[in-house]
Amino acid sequence: MVEGKGKFDWAQTSSLMALAVNLMRDPRKGKAVSPNDFNPFAEKPQKIVLKGAEMLDALKAAFIKPHRK
């Protein structure tokens, strides 16, 4: 119950913070922010980090067409 109230309060607070930032920003210099940028309870997308051979295999699969016989 306490966690739910915290999430609710942060949802409201982060919406107000995003509104304030978007009102004062210069549209030519940057993009709009979302309330999730300020909310510590919002789920952040996971970054995929490929290293070594995995990275090369992924790049080959994305950019090199397989040979047909």
PDB file of N, CA and C in Angstrom:
ATOM      1  N   MET A   1       0.816  -1.185   0.000  1.00  0.00           N
ATOM      2  CA  MET A   1       0.000   0.000   0.000  1.00  0.00           C
ATOM      3  C   MET A   1       0.872   1.267   0.000  1.00  0.00           C
ATOM      4  N   VAL A   2       1.930   1.228   0.763  1.00  0.00           N
ATOM      5  CA  VAL A   2       2.835   2.371   0.812  1.00  0.00           C
ATOM      6  C   VAL A   2       3.537   2.546  -0.535  1.00  0.00           C
ATOM      7  N   GLU A   3       3.934   1.426  -1.154  1.00  0.00           N
ATOM      8  CA  GLU A   3       4.601   1.508  -2.456  1.00  0.00           C
ATOM      9  C   GLU A   3       3.652   2.068  -3.516  1.00  0.00           C
ATOM     10  N   GLY A   4       2.390   1.695  -3.468  1.00  0.00           N
ATOM     11  CA  GLY A   4       1.408   2.211  -4.415  1.00  0.00           C
ATOM     12  C   GLY A   4       1.216   3.707  -4.280  1.00  0.00           C
ATOM     13  N   LYS A   5       1.187   4.189  -3.039  1.00  0.00           N
ATOM     14  CA  LYS A   5       1.062   5.635  -2.822  1.00  0.00           C
ATOM     15  C   LYS A   5       2.294   6.359  -3.328  1.00  0.00           C
ATOM     16  N   GLY A   6       3.472   5.780  -3.124  1.00  0.00           N
ATOM     17  CA  GLY A   6       4.699   6.384  -3.624  1.00  0.00           C
ATOM     18  C   GLY A   6       4.700   6.466  -5.141  1.00  0.00           C
ATOM     19  N   LYS A   7       4.256   5.408  -5.794  1.00  0.00           N
ATOM     20  CA  LYS A   7       4.187   5.408  -7.263  1.00  0.00           C
ATOM     21  C   LYS A   7       3.191   6.450  -7.762  1.00  0.00           C
ATOM     22  N   PHE A   8       2.050   6.543  -7.081  1.00  0.00           N
ATOM     23  CA  PHE A   8       1.037   7.526  -7.466  1.00  0.00           C
ATOM     24  C   PHE A   8       1.570   8.948  -7.297  1.00  0.00           C
ATOM     25  N   ASP A   9       2.195   9.217  -6.155  1.00  0.00           N
ATOM     26  CA  ASP A   9       2.741  10.553  -5.901  1.00  0.00           C
ATOM     27  C   ASP A   9       3.827  10.914  -6.911  1.00  0.00           C
ATOM     28  N   TRP A  10       4.706   9.958  -7.230  1.00  0.00           N
ATOM     29  CA  TRP A  10       5.767  10.241  -8.200  1.00  0.00           C
ATOM     30  C   TRP A  10       5.208  10.426  -9.601  1.00  0.00           C
ATOM     31  N   ALA A  11       4.122   9.734  -9.922  1.00  0.00           N
ATOM     32  CA  ALA A  11       3.507   9.913 -11.242  1.00  0.00           C
ATOM     33  C   ALA A  11       2.996  11.349 -11.391  1.00  0.00           C
ATOM     34  N   GLN A  12       2.370  11.861 -10.338  1.00  0.00           N
ATOM     35  CA  GLN A  12       1.879  13.239 -10.393  1.00  0.00           C
ATOM     36  C   GLN A  12       3.030  14.241 -10.423  1.00  0.00           C
ATOM     37  N   THR A  13       4.007  14.031  -9.556  1.00  0.00           N
ATOM     38  CA  THR A  13       5.130  14.961  -9.474  1.00  0.00           C
ATOM     39  C   THR A  13       5.930  14.982 -10.769  1.00  0.00           C
ATOM     40  N   SER A  14       6.181  13.809 -11.331  1.00  0.00           N
ATOM     41  CA  SER A  14       6.966  13.766 -12.571  1.00  0.00           C
ATOM     42  C   SER A  14       6.197  14.388 -13.738  1.00  0.00           C
ATOM     43  N   SER A  15       4.872  14.290 -13.729  1.00  0.00           N
ATOM     44  CA  SER A  15       4.084  14.952 -14.772  1.00  0.00           C
ATOM     45  C   SER A  15       4.222  16.467 -14.672  1.00  0.00           C
ATOM     46  N   LEU A  16       4.185  16.998 -13.457  1.00  0.00           N
ATOM     47  CA  LEU A  16       4.356  18.441 -13.275  1.00  0.00           C
ATOM     48  C   LEU A  16       5.761  18.895 -13.650  1.00  0.00           C
ATOM     49  N   MET A  17       6.765  18.085 -13.321  1.00  0.00           N
ATOM     50  CA  MET A  17       8.145  18.431 -13.668  1.00  0.00           C
ATOM     51  C   MET A  17       8.324  18.455 -15.187  1.00  0.00           C
ATOM     52  N   ALA A  18       7.770  17.464 -15.870  1.00  0.00           N
ATOM     53  CA  ALA A  18       7.882  17.416 -17.330  1.00  0.00           C
ATOM     54  C   ALA A  18       7.151  18.594 -17.964  1.00  0.00           C
ATOM     55  N   LEU A  19       5.999  18.951 -17.409  1.00  0.00           N
ATOM     56  CA  LEU A  19       5.259  20.102 -17.922  1.00  0.00           C
ATOM     57  C   LEU A  19       6.079  21.376 -17.784  1.00  0.00           C
ATOM     58  N   ALA A  20       6.697  21.572 -16.621  1.00  0.00           N
ATOM     59  CA  ALA A  20       7.495  22.776 -16.393  1.00  0.00           C
ATOM     60  C   ALA A  20       8.688  22.836 -17.352  1.00  0.00           C
ATOM     61  N   VAL A  21       9.371  21.718 -17.541  1.00  0.00           N
ATOM     62  CA  VAL A  21      10.531  21.694 -18.434  1.00  0.00           C
ATOM     63  C   VAL A  21      10.105  21.947 -19.873  1.00  0.00           C
ATOM     64  N   ASN A  22       9.010  21.339 -20.296  1.00  0.00           N
ATOM     65  CA  ASN A  22       8.556  21.504 -21.673  1.00  0.00           C
ATOM     66  C   ASN A  22       8.048  22.921 -21.953  1.00  0.00           C
ATOM     67  N   LEU A  23       7.522  23.589 -20.930  1.00  0.00           N
ATOM     68  CA  LEU A  23       7.083  24.970 -21.113  1.00  0.00           C
ATOM     69  C   LEU A  23       8.260  25.915 -21.311  1.00  0.00           C
ATOM     70  N   MET A  24       9.388  25.626 -20.662  1.00  0.00           N
ATOM     71  CA  MET A  24      10.532  26.540 -20.707  1.00  0.00           C
ATOM     72  C   MET A  24      11.582  26.171 -21.753  1.00  0.00           C
ATOM     73  N   ARG A  25      11.401  25.070 -22.470  1.00  0.00           N
ATOM     74  CA  ARG A  25      12.430  24.639 -23.411  1.00  0.00           C
ATOM     75  C   ARG A  25      12.309  25.382 -24.742  1.00  0.00           C
ATOM     76  N   ASP A  26      13.396  25.406 -25.470  1.00  0.00           N
ATOM     77  CA  ASP A  26      13.416  25.987 -26.808  1.00  0.00           C
ATOM     78  C   ASP A  26      13.190  24.843 -27.802  1.00  0.00           C
ATOM     79  N   PRO A  27      12.096  24.843 -28.558  1.00  0.00           N
ATOM     80  CA  PRO A  27      11.798  23.727 -29.456  1.00  0.00           C
ATOM     81  C   PRO A  27      12.857  23.492 -30.524  1.00  0.00           C
ATOM     82  N   ARG A  28      13.630  24.528 -30.855  1.00  0.00           N
ATOM     83  CA  ARG A  28      14.653  24.362 -31.886  1.00  0.00           C
ATOM     84  C   ARG A  28      15.911  23.712 -31.341  1.00  0.00           C
ATOM     85  N   LYS A  29      16.098  23.713 -30.027  1.00  0.00           N
ATOM     86  CA  LYS A  29      17.349  23.210 -29.455  1.00  0.00           C
ATOM     87  C   LYS A  29      17.246  21.823 -28.841  1.00  0.00           C
ATOM     88  N   GLY A  30      16.065  21.355 -28.557  1.00  0.00           N
ATOM     89  CA  GLY A  30      15.964  20.040 -27.928  1.00  0.00           C
ATOM     90  C   GLY A  30      14.575  19.456 -28.086  1.00  0.00           C
ATOM     91  N   LYS A  31      14.467  18.207 -27.720  1.00  0.00           N
ATOM     92  CA  LYS A  31      13.175  17.545 -27.845  1.00  0.00           C
ATOM     93  C   LYS A  31      12.445  17.571 -26.499  1.00  0.00           C
ATOM     94  N   ALA A  32      11.179  17.299 -26.549  1.00  0.00           N
ATOM     95  CA  ALA A  32      10.352  17.312 -25.350  1.00  0.00           C
ATOM     96  C   ALA A  32      10.724  16.145 -24.436  1.00  0.00           C
ATOM     97  N   VAL A  33      10.549  16.356 -23.141  1.00  0.00           N
ATOM     98  CA  VAL A  33      10.809  15.301 -22.168  1.00  0.00           C
ATOM     99  C   VAL A  33       9.483  14.665 -21.779  1.00  0.00           C
ATOM    100  N   SER A  34       9.554  13.455 -21.277  1.00  0.00           N
ATOM    101  CA  SER A  34       8.348  12.767 -20.834  1.00  0.00           C
ATOM    102  C   SER A  34       8.383  12.641 -19.313  1.00  0.00           C
ATOM    103  N   PRO A  35       7.240  12.430 -18.685  1.00  0.00           N
ATOM    104  CA  PRO A  35       7.233  12.253 -17.237  1.00  0.00           C
ATOM    105  C   PRO A  35       8.075  11.062 -16.778  1.00  0.00           C
ATOM    106  N   ASN A  36       8.239  10.064 -17.628  1.00  0.00           N
ATOM    107  CA  ASN A  36       9.051   8.902 -17.257  1.00  0.00           C
ATOM    108  C   ASN A  36      10.525   9.250 -17.097  1.00  0.00           C
ATOM    109  N   ASP A  37      10.963  10.372 -17.672  1.00  0.00           N
ATOM    110  CA  ASP A  37      12.345  10.799 -17.509  1.00  0.00           C
ATOM    111  C   ASP A  37      12.634  11.216 -16.068  1.00  0.00           C
ATOM    112  N   PHE A  38      11.605  11.623 -15.320  1.00  0.00           N
ATOM    113  CA  PHE A  38      11.780  12.090 -13.946  1.00  0.00           C
ATOM    114  C   PHE A  38      11.301  11.087 -12.904  1.00  0.00           C
ATOM    115  N   ASN A  39      10.563  10.083 -13.326  1.00  0.00           N
ATOM    116  CA  ASN A  39       9.944   9.144 -12.388  1.00  0.00           C
ATOM    117  C   ASN A  39      10.905   8.004 -12.048  1.00  0.00           C
ATOM    118  N   PRO A  40      11.297   7.876 -10.772  1.00  0.00           N
ATOM    119  CA  PRO A  40      12.207   6.791 -10.407  1.00  0.00           C
ATOM    120  C   PRO A  40      11.539   5.415 -10.434  1.00  0.00           C
ATOM    121  N   PHE A  41      10.216   5.366 -10.419  1.00  0.00           N
ATOM    122  CA  PHE A  41       9.508   4.083 -10.464  1.00  0.00           C
ATOM    123  C   PHE A  41       9.230   3.614 -11.885  1.00  0.00           C
ATOM    124  N   ALA A  42       9.439   4.475 -12.874  1.00  0.00           N
ATOM    125  CA  ALA A  42       9.185   4.099 -14.270  1.00  0.00           C
ATOM    126  C   ALA A  42      10.219   3.071 -14.712  1.00  0.00           C
ATOM    127  N   GLU A  43       9.750   2.106 -15.493  1.00  0.00           N
ATOM    128  CA  GLU A  43      10.657   1.073 -15.991  1.00  0.00           C
ATOM    129  C   GLU A  43      11.476   1.635 -17.145  1.00  0.00           C
ATOM    130  N   LYS A  44      12.761   1.493 -17.057  1.00  0.00           N
ATOM    131  CA  LYS A  44      13.669   1.962 -18.103  1.00  0.00           C
ATOM    132  C   LYS A  44      13.913   0.812 -19.085  1.00  0.00           C
ATOM    133  N   PRO A  45      13.976   1.107 -20.387  1.00  0.00           N
ATOM    134  CA  PRO A  45      14.279   0.045 -21.341  1.00  0.00           C
ATOM    135  C   PRO A  45      15.698  -0.466 -21.140  1.00  0.00           C
ATOM    136  N   GLN A  46      15.848  -1.778 -21.240  1.00  0.00           N
ATOM    137  CA  GLN A  46      17.170  -2.368 -21.073  1.00  0.00           C
ATOM    138  C   GLN A  46      18.010  -2.127 -22.316  1.00  0.00           C
ATOM    139  N   LYS A  47      19.263  -1.812 -22.080  1.00  0.00           N
ATOM    140  CA  LYS A  47      20.191  -1.628 -23.191  1.00  0.00           C
ATOM    141  C   LYS A  47      20.857  -2.968 -23.475  1.00  0.00           C
ATOM    142  N   ILE A  48      20.918  -3.312 -24.745  1.00  0.00           N
ATOM    143  CA  ILE A  48      21.550  -4.555 -25.149  1.00  0.00           C
ATOM    144  C   ILE A  48      23.010  -4.259 -25.475  1.00  0.00           C
ATOM    145  N   VAL A  49      23.887  -4.940 -24.785  1.00  0.00           N
ATOM    146  CA  VAL A  49      25.320  -4.740 -24.995  1.00  0.00           C
ATOM    147  C   VAL A  49      25.893  -6.036 -25.566  1.00  0.00           C
ATOM    148  N   LEU A  50      26.417  -5.949 -26.771  1.00  0.00           N
ATOM    149  CA  LEU A  50      27.034  -7.105 -27.408  1.00  0.00           C
ATOM    150  C   LEU A  50      28.543  -6.903 -27.415  1.00  0.00           C
ATOM    151  N   LYS A  51      29.257  -7.964 -27.133  1.00  0.00           N
ATOM    152  CA  LYS A  51      30.709  -7.872 -27.098  1.00  0.00           C
ATOM    153  C   LYS A  51      31.311  -8.952 -27.982  1.00  0.00           C
ATOM    154  N   GLY A  52      32.419  -8.614 -28.593  1.00  0.00           N
ATOM    155  CA  GLY A  52      33.216  -9.587 -29.342  1.00  0.00           C
ATOM    156  C   GLY A  52      32.480 -10.228 -30.496  1.00  0.00           C
ATOM    157  N   ALA A  53      32.484 -11.567 -30.516  1.00  0.00           N
ATOM    158  CA  ALA A  53      31.930 -12.337 -31.619  1.00  0.00           C
ATOM    159  C   ALA A  53      30.420 -12.135 -31.741  1.00  0.00           C
ATOM    160  N   GLU A  54      29.726 -11.946 -30.616  1.00  0.00           N
ATOM    161  CA  GLU A  54      28.284 -11.724 -30.671  1.00  0.00           C
ATOM    162  C   GLU A  54      27.965 -10.464 -31.478  1.00  0.00           C
ATOM    163  N   MET A  55      28.751  -9.418 -31.282  1.00  0.00           N
ATOM    164  CA  MET A  55      28.520  -8.168 -31.980  1.00  0.00           C
ATOM    165  C   MET A  55      28.751  -8.346 -33.483  1.00  0.00           C
ATOM    166  N   LEU A  56      29.815  -9.022 -33.851  1.00  0.00           N
ATOM    167  CA  LEU A  56      30.107  -9.234 -35.263  1.00  0.00           C
ATOM    168  C   LEU A  56      29.044 -10.086 -35.929  1.00  0.00           C
ATOM    169  N   ASP A  57      28.579 -11.127 -35.242  1.00  0.00           N
ATOM    170  CA  ASP A  57      27.529 -11.972 -35.801  1.00  0.00           C
ATOM    171  C   ASP A  57      26.234 -11.183 -36.004  1.00  0.00           C
ATOM    172  N   ALA A  58      25.899 -10.333 -35.044  1.00  0.00           N
ATOM    173  CA  ALA A  58      24.684  -9.528 -35.169  1.00  0.00           C
ATOM    174  C   ALA A  58      24.806  -8.536 -36.319  1.00  0.00           C
ATOM    175  N   LEU A  59      25.954  -7.913 -36.477  1.00  0.00           N
ATOM    176  CA  LEU A  59      26.148  -6.965 -37.572  1.00  0.00           C
ATOM    177  C   LEU A  59      26.122  -7.663 -38.921  1.00  0.00           C
ATOM    178  N   LYS A  60      26.732  -8.839 -39.010  1.00  0.00           N
ATOM    179  CA  LYS A  60      26.710  -9.599 -40.257  1.00  0.00           C
ATOM    180  C   LYS A  60      25.288  -9.990 -40.627  1.00  0.00           C
ATOM    181  N   ALA A  61      24.515 -10.435 -39.638  1.00  0.00           N
ATOM    182  CA  ALA A  61      23.135 -10.839 -39.903  1.00  0.00           C
ATOM    183  C   ALA A  61      22.289  -9.648 -40.341  1.00  0.00           C
ATOM    184  N   ALA A  62      22.597  -8.462 -39.831  1.00  0.00           N
ATOM    185  CA  ALA A  62      21.798  -7.295 -40.155  1.00  0.00           C
ATOM    186  C   ALA A  62      22.138  -6.701 -41.516  1.00  0.00           C
ATOM    187  N   PHE A  63      23.407  -6.757 -41.919  1.00  0.00           N
ATOM    188  CA  PHE A  63      23.828  -6.009 -43.093  1.00  0.00           C
ATOM    189  C   PHE A  63      24.307  -6.842 -44.275  1.00  0.00           C
ATOM    190  N   ILE A  64      24.596  -8.108 -44.095  1.00  0.00           N
ATOM    191  CA  ILE A  64      25.102  -8.929 -45.183  1.00  0.00           C
ATOM    192  C   ILE A  64      24.037  -9.927 -45.601  1.00  0.00           C
ATOM    193  N   LYS A  65      23.718  -9.907 -46.891  1.00  0.00           N
ATOM    194  CA  LYS A  65      22.719 -10.846 -47.411  1.00  0.00           C
ATOM    195  C   LYS A  65      23.356 -12.225 -47.557  1.00  0.00           C
ATOM    196  N   PRO A  66      22.605 -13.262 -47.233  1.00  0.00           N
ATOM    197  CA  PRO A  66      23.150 -14.607 -47.405  1.00  0.00           C
ATOM    198  C   PRO A  66      23.303 -14.949 -48.894  1.00  0.00           C
ATOM    199  N   HIS A  67      24.316 -15.733 -49.203  1.00  0.00           N
ATOM    200  CA  HIS A  67      24.556 -16.127 -50.597  1.00  0.00           C
ATOM    201  C   HIS A  67      23.605 -17.235 -50.995  1.00  0.00           C
ATOM    202  N   ARG A  68      23.029 -17.100 -52.193  1.00  0.00           N
ATOM    203  CA  ARG A  68      22.135 -18.129 -52.715  1.00  0.00           C
ATOM    204  C   ARG A  68      22.838 -18.858 -53.839  1.00  0.00           C
ATOM    205  N   LYS A  69      22.674 -20.149 -53.850  1.00  0.00           N
ATOM    206  CA  LYS A  69      23.307 -20.969 -54.915  1.00  0.00           C
ATOM    207  C   LYS A  69      22.304 -21.390 -55.928  1.00  0.00           C
TER     208      LYS A  69
END
